[in-house]
C-alpha atoms as a PDB file:
ATOM      1  CA  UNK A   1     -33.811  83.851  12.683  1.00  0.00           C
ATOM      2  CA  UNK A   2     -33.776  81.608  15.751  1.00  0.00           C
ATOM      3  CA  UNK A   3     -33.196  83.007  19.214  1.00  0.00           C
ATOM      4  CA  UNK A   4     -31.408  80.693  21.600  1.00  0.00           C
ATOM      5  CA  UNK A   5     -32.057  80.656  25.331  1.00  0.00           C
ATOM      6  CA  UNK A   6     -28.676  82.129  26.223  1.00  0.00           C
ATOM      7  CA  UNK A   7     -29.289  85.120  23.946  1.00  0.00           C
ATOM      8  CA  UNK A   8     -32.013  86.275  26.335  1.00  0.00           C
ATOM      9  CA  UNK A   9     -29.617  86.381  29.302  1.00  0.00           C
ATOM     10  CA  UNK A  10     -28.439  89.867  30.272  1.00  0.00           C
ATOM     11  CA  UNK A  11     -25.216  88.354  31.602  1.00  0.00           C
ATOM     12  CA  UNK A  12     -24.464  86.832  28.185  1.00  0.00           C
ATOM     13  CA  UNK A  13     -25.148  90.176  26.465  1.00  0.00           C
ATOM     14  CA  UNK A  14     -22.822  91.912  28.938  1.00  0.00           C
ATOM     15  CA  UNK A  15     -20.139  89.268  28.352  1.00  0.00           C
ATOM     16  CA  UNK A  16     -20.407  89.763  24.589  1.00  0.00           C
ATOM     17  CA  UNK A  17     -19.997  93.538  24.984  1.00  0.00           C
ATOM     18  CA  UNK A  18     -17.038  93.036  27.318  1.00  0.00           C
ATOM     19  CA  UNK A  19     -15.374  90.634  24.891  1.00  0.00           C
ATOM     20  CA  UNK A  20     -15.846  93.119  22.059  1.00  0.00           C
ATOM     21  CA  UNK A  21     -14.193  95.811  24.183  1.00  0.00           C
ATOM     22  CA  UNK A  22     -11.255  93.491  24.922  1.00  0.00           C
ATOM     23  CA  UNK A  23     -10.819  92.843  21.199  1.00  0.00           C
ATOM     24  CA  UNK A  24     -10.845  96.577  20.493  1.00  0.00           C
ATOM     25  CA  UNK A  25      -8.224  97.479  23.099  1.00  0.00           C
ATOM     26  CA  UNK A  26      -5.926  94.603  22.146  1.00  0.00           C
ATOM     27  CA  UNK A  27      -6.002  95.487  18.431  1.00  0.00           C
ATOM     28  CA  UNK A  28      -3.203  98.010  18.929  1.00  0.00           C
ATOM     29  CA  UNK A  29      -0.911  95.805  21.026  1.00  0.00           C
ATOM     30  CA  UNK A  30       2.587  95.304  19.593  1.00  0.00           C
ATOM     31  CA  UNK A  31       2.784  92.753  16.777  1.00  0.00           C
ATOM     32  CA  UNK A  32       5.168  90.571  18.789  1.00  0.00           C
ATOM     33  CA  UNK A  33       2.309  89.972  21.268  1.00  0.00           C
ATOM     34  CA  UNK A  34      -0.067  88.702  18.562  1.00  0.00           C
ATOM     35  CA  UNK A  35       0.477  85.042  19.465  1.00  0.00           C
ATOM     36  CA  UNK A  36       1.219  85.754  23.114  1.00  0.00           C
ATOM     37  CA  UNK A  37      -0.699  88.132  25.312  1.00  0.00           C
ATOM     38  CA  UNK A  38      -3.208  89.189  22.631  1.00  0.00           C
ATOM     39  CA  UNK A  39      -4.151  85.596  21.898  1.00  0.00           C
ATOM     40  CA  UNK A  40      -4.378  84.680  25.583  1.00  0.00           C
ATOM     41  CA  UNK A  41      -6.516  87.596  26.706  1.00  0.00           C
ATOM     42  CA  UNK A  42      -8.844  87.283  23.717  1.00  0.00           C
ATOM     43  CA  UNK A  43      -9.265  83.556  24.301  1.00  0.00           C
ATOM     44  CA  UNK A  44     -10.096  84.159  27.966  1.00  0.00           C
ATOM     45  CA  UNK A  45     -12.559  86.949  27.108  1.00  0.00           C
ATOM     46  CA  UNK A  46     -14.248  84.787  24.475  1.00  0.00           C
ATOM     47  CA  UNK A  47     -14.486  81.939  26.970  1.00  0.00           C
ATOM     48  CA  UNK A  48     -16.665  84.019  29.305  1.00  0.00           C
ATOM     49  CA  UNK A  49     -19.543  84.405  26.831  1.00  0.00           C
ATOM     50  CA  UNK A  50     -19.019  80.924  25.377  1.00  0.00           C
ATOM     51  CA  UNK A  51     -19.282  79.188  28.743  1.00  0.00           C
ATOM     52  CA  UNK A  52     -22.418  81.135  29.651  1.00  0.00           C
ATOM     53  CA  UNK A  53     -23.957  79.954  26.383  1.00  0.00           C
ATOM     54  CA  UNK A  54     -22.829  76.366  26.861  1.00  0.00           C
ATOM     55  CA  UNK A  55     -24.052  76.280  30.451  1.00  0.00           C
ATOM     56  CA  UNK A  56     -27.485  77.521  29.420  1.00  0.00           C
ATOM     57  CA  UNK A  57     -27.881  74.420  27.271  1.00  0.00           C
ATOM     58  CA  UNK A  58     -27.277  71.982  30.110  1.00  0.00           C
ATOM     59  CA  UNK A  59     -30.147  70.022  31.593  1.00  0.00           C
ATOM     60  CA  UNK A  60     -29.212  70.218  35.264  1.00  0.00           C
ATOM     61  CA  UNK A  61     -28.564  73.284  37.392  1.00  0.00           C
ATOM     62  CA  UNK A  62     -25.390  71.686  38.754  1.00  0.00           C
ATOM     63  CA  UNK A  63     -24.036  71.212  35.244  1.00  0.00           C
ATOM     64  CA  UNK A  64     -25.029  74.771  34.279  1.00  0.00           C
ATOM     65  CA  UNK A  65     -23.293  76.130  37.372  1.00  0.00           C
ATOM     66  CA  UNK A  66     -20.081  74.336  36.450  1.00  0.00           C
ATOM     67  CA  UNK A  67     -19.972  76.326  33.202  1.00  0.00           C
ATOM     68  CA  UNK A  68     -20.813  79.557  35.024  1.00  0.00           C
ATOM     69  CA  UNK A  69     -17.854  78.858  37.324  1.00  0.00           C
ATOM     70  CA  UNK A  70     -15.598  78.352  34.292  1.00  0.00           C
ATOM     71  CA  UNK A  71     -16.871  81.649  32.823  1.00  0.00           C
ATOM     72  CA  UNK A  72     -16.029  83.399  36.109  1.00  0.00           C
ATOM     73  CA  UNK A  73     -12.539  81.890  36.102  1.00  0.00           C
ATOM     74  CA  UNK A  74     -11.984  83.005  32.517  1.00  0.00           C
ATOM     75  CA  UNK A  75     -13.051  86.522  33.463  1.00  0.00           C
ATOM     76  CA  UNK A  76     -10.475  86.600  36.276  1.00  0.00           C
ATOM     77  CA  UNK A  77      -7.816  85.227  33.906  1.00  0.00           C
ATOM     78  CA  UNK A  78      -8.539  87.966  31.359  1.00  0.00           C
ATOM     79  CA  UNK A  79      -8.363  90.674  34.044  1.00  0.00           C
ATOM     80  CA  UNK A  80      -4.955  89.372  35.160  1.00  0.00           C
ATOM     81  CA  UNK A  81      -3.703  89.476  31.581  1.00  0.00           C
ATOM     82  CA  UNK A  82      -5.062  92.992  31.088  1.00  0.00           C
ATOM     83  CA  UNK A  83      -3.244  94.100  34.258  1.00  0.00           C
ATOM     84  CA  UNK A  84      -0.038  92.701  32.760  1.00  0.00           C
ATOM     85  CA  UNK A  85      -0.741  94.574  29.532  1.00  0.00           C
ATOM     86  CA  UNK A  86      -1.106  97.770  31.559  1.00  0.00           C
ATOM     87  CA  UNK A  87       2.248  97.132  33.257  1.00  0.00           C
ATOM     88  CA  UNK A  88       3.836  96.662  29.835  1.00  0.00           C
ATOM     89  CA  UNK A  89       2.351  99.940  28.612  1.00  0.00           C
ATOM     90  CA  UNK A  90       0.092  98.356  25.992  1.00  0.00           C
ATOM     91  CA  UNK A  91      -3.268  99.726  27.167  1.00  0.00           C
ATOM     92  CA  UNK A  92      -4.455 103.268  26.455  1.00  0.00           C
ATOM     93  CA  UNK A  93      -5.139 105.546  29.421  1.00  0.00           C
ATOM     94  CA  UNK A  94      -8.428 104.691  31.117  1.00  0.00           C
ATOM     95  CA  UNK A  95      -8.931 101.372  29.337  1.00  0.00           C
ATOM     96  CA  UNK A  96      -8.039  99.148  32.288  1.00  0.00           C
ATOM     97  CA  UNK A  97     -10.354 101.015  34.664  1.00  0.00           C
ATOM     98  CA  UNK A  98     -13.274 100.734  32.234  1.00  0.00           C
ATOM     99  CA  UNK A  99     -12.602  97.046  31.602  1.00  0.00           C
ATOM    100  CA  UNK A 100     -12.284  96.349  35.335  1.00  0.00           C
ATOM    101  CA  UNK A 101     -15.505  98.214  36.147  1.00  0.00           C
ATOM    102  CA  UNK A 102     -17.403  96.253  33.514  1.00  0.00           C
ATOM    103  CA  UNK A 103     -15.763  92.998  34.623  1.00  0.00           C
ATOM    104  CA  UNK A 104     -16.813  93.659  38.218  1.00  0.00           C
ATOM    105  CA  UNK A 105     -20.416  94.098  37.111  1.00  0.00           C
ATOM    106  CA  UNK A 106     -20.159  90.971  34.975  1.00  0.00           C
ATOM    107  CA  UNK A 107     -18.723  88.994  37.914  1.00  0.00           C
ATOM    108  CA  UNK A 108     -21.676  90.033  40.082  1.00  0.00           C
ATOM    109  CA  UNK A 109     -24.088  88.992  37.344  1.00  0.00           C
ATOM    110  CA  UNK A 110     -22.379  85.592  37.040  1.00  0.00           C
ATOM    111  CA  UNK A 111     -22.574  85.107  40.808  1.00  0.00           C
ATOM    112  CA  UNK A 112     -26.247  86.028  40.756  1.00  0.00           C
ATOM    113  CA  UNK A 113     -26.986  83.611  37.928  1.00  0.00           C
ATOM    114  CA  UNK A 114     -25.155  80.819  39.738  1.00  0.00           C
ATOM    115  CA  UNK A 115     -27.002  81.532  42.994  1.00  0.00           C
ATOM    116  CA  UNK A 116     -30.356  81.480  41.204  1.00  0.00           C
ATOM    117  CA  UNK A 117     -29.647  77.921  40.048  1.00  0.00           C
ATOM    118  CA  UNK A 118     -28.491  76.478  43.371  1.00  0.00           C
END
């Protein structure tokens, strides 16, 4: 089985784990949020790992960094949506703190990757 360049990146692995966690915690959201908040937060979480992967396939550092910036923005979007979910009472106790802690680490990793390509 082929291994792609992005699969070797620790930041991509972390983003995949974070996305999986987001999917798990949103599985129990109310059914009326299926096409609303659940869809939005999952799309944003998926975008983080996807943009890291897409950026790794770009030929220039500037182009790669544009995708890293999009991944960072998607991470912030997902955190905002998770904070809303907490306000609405959809998240189990402790879930937001764990997701935020992991997102903070992921944000630092994205910043480091971007800086290494400037």
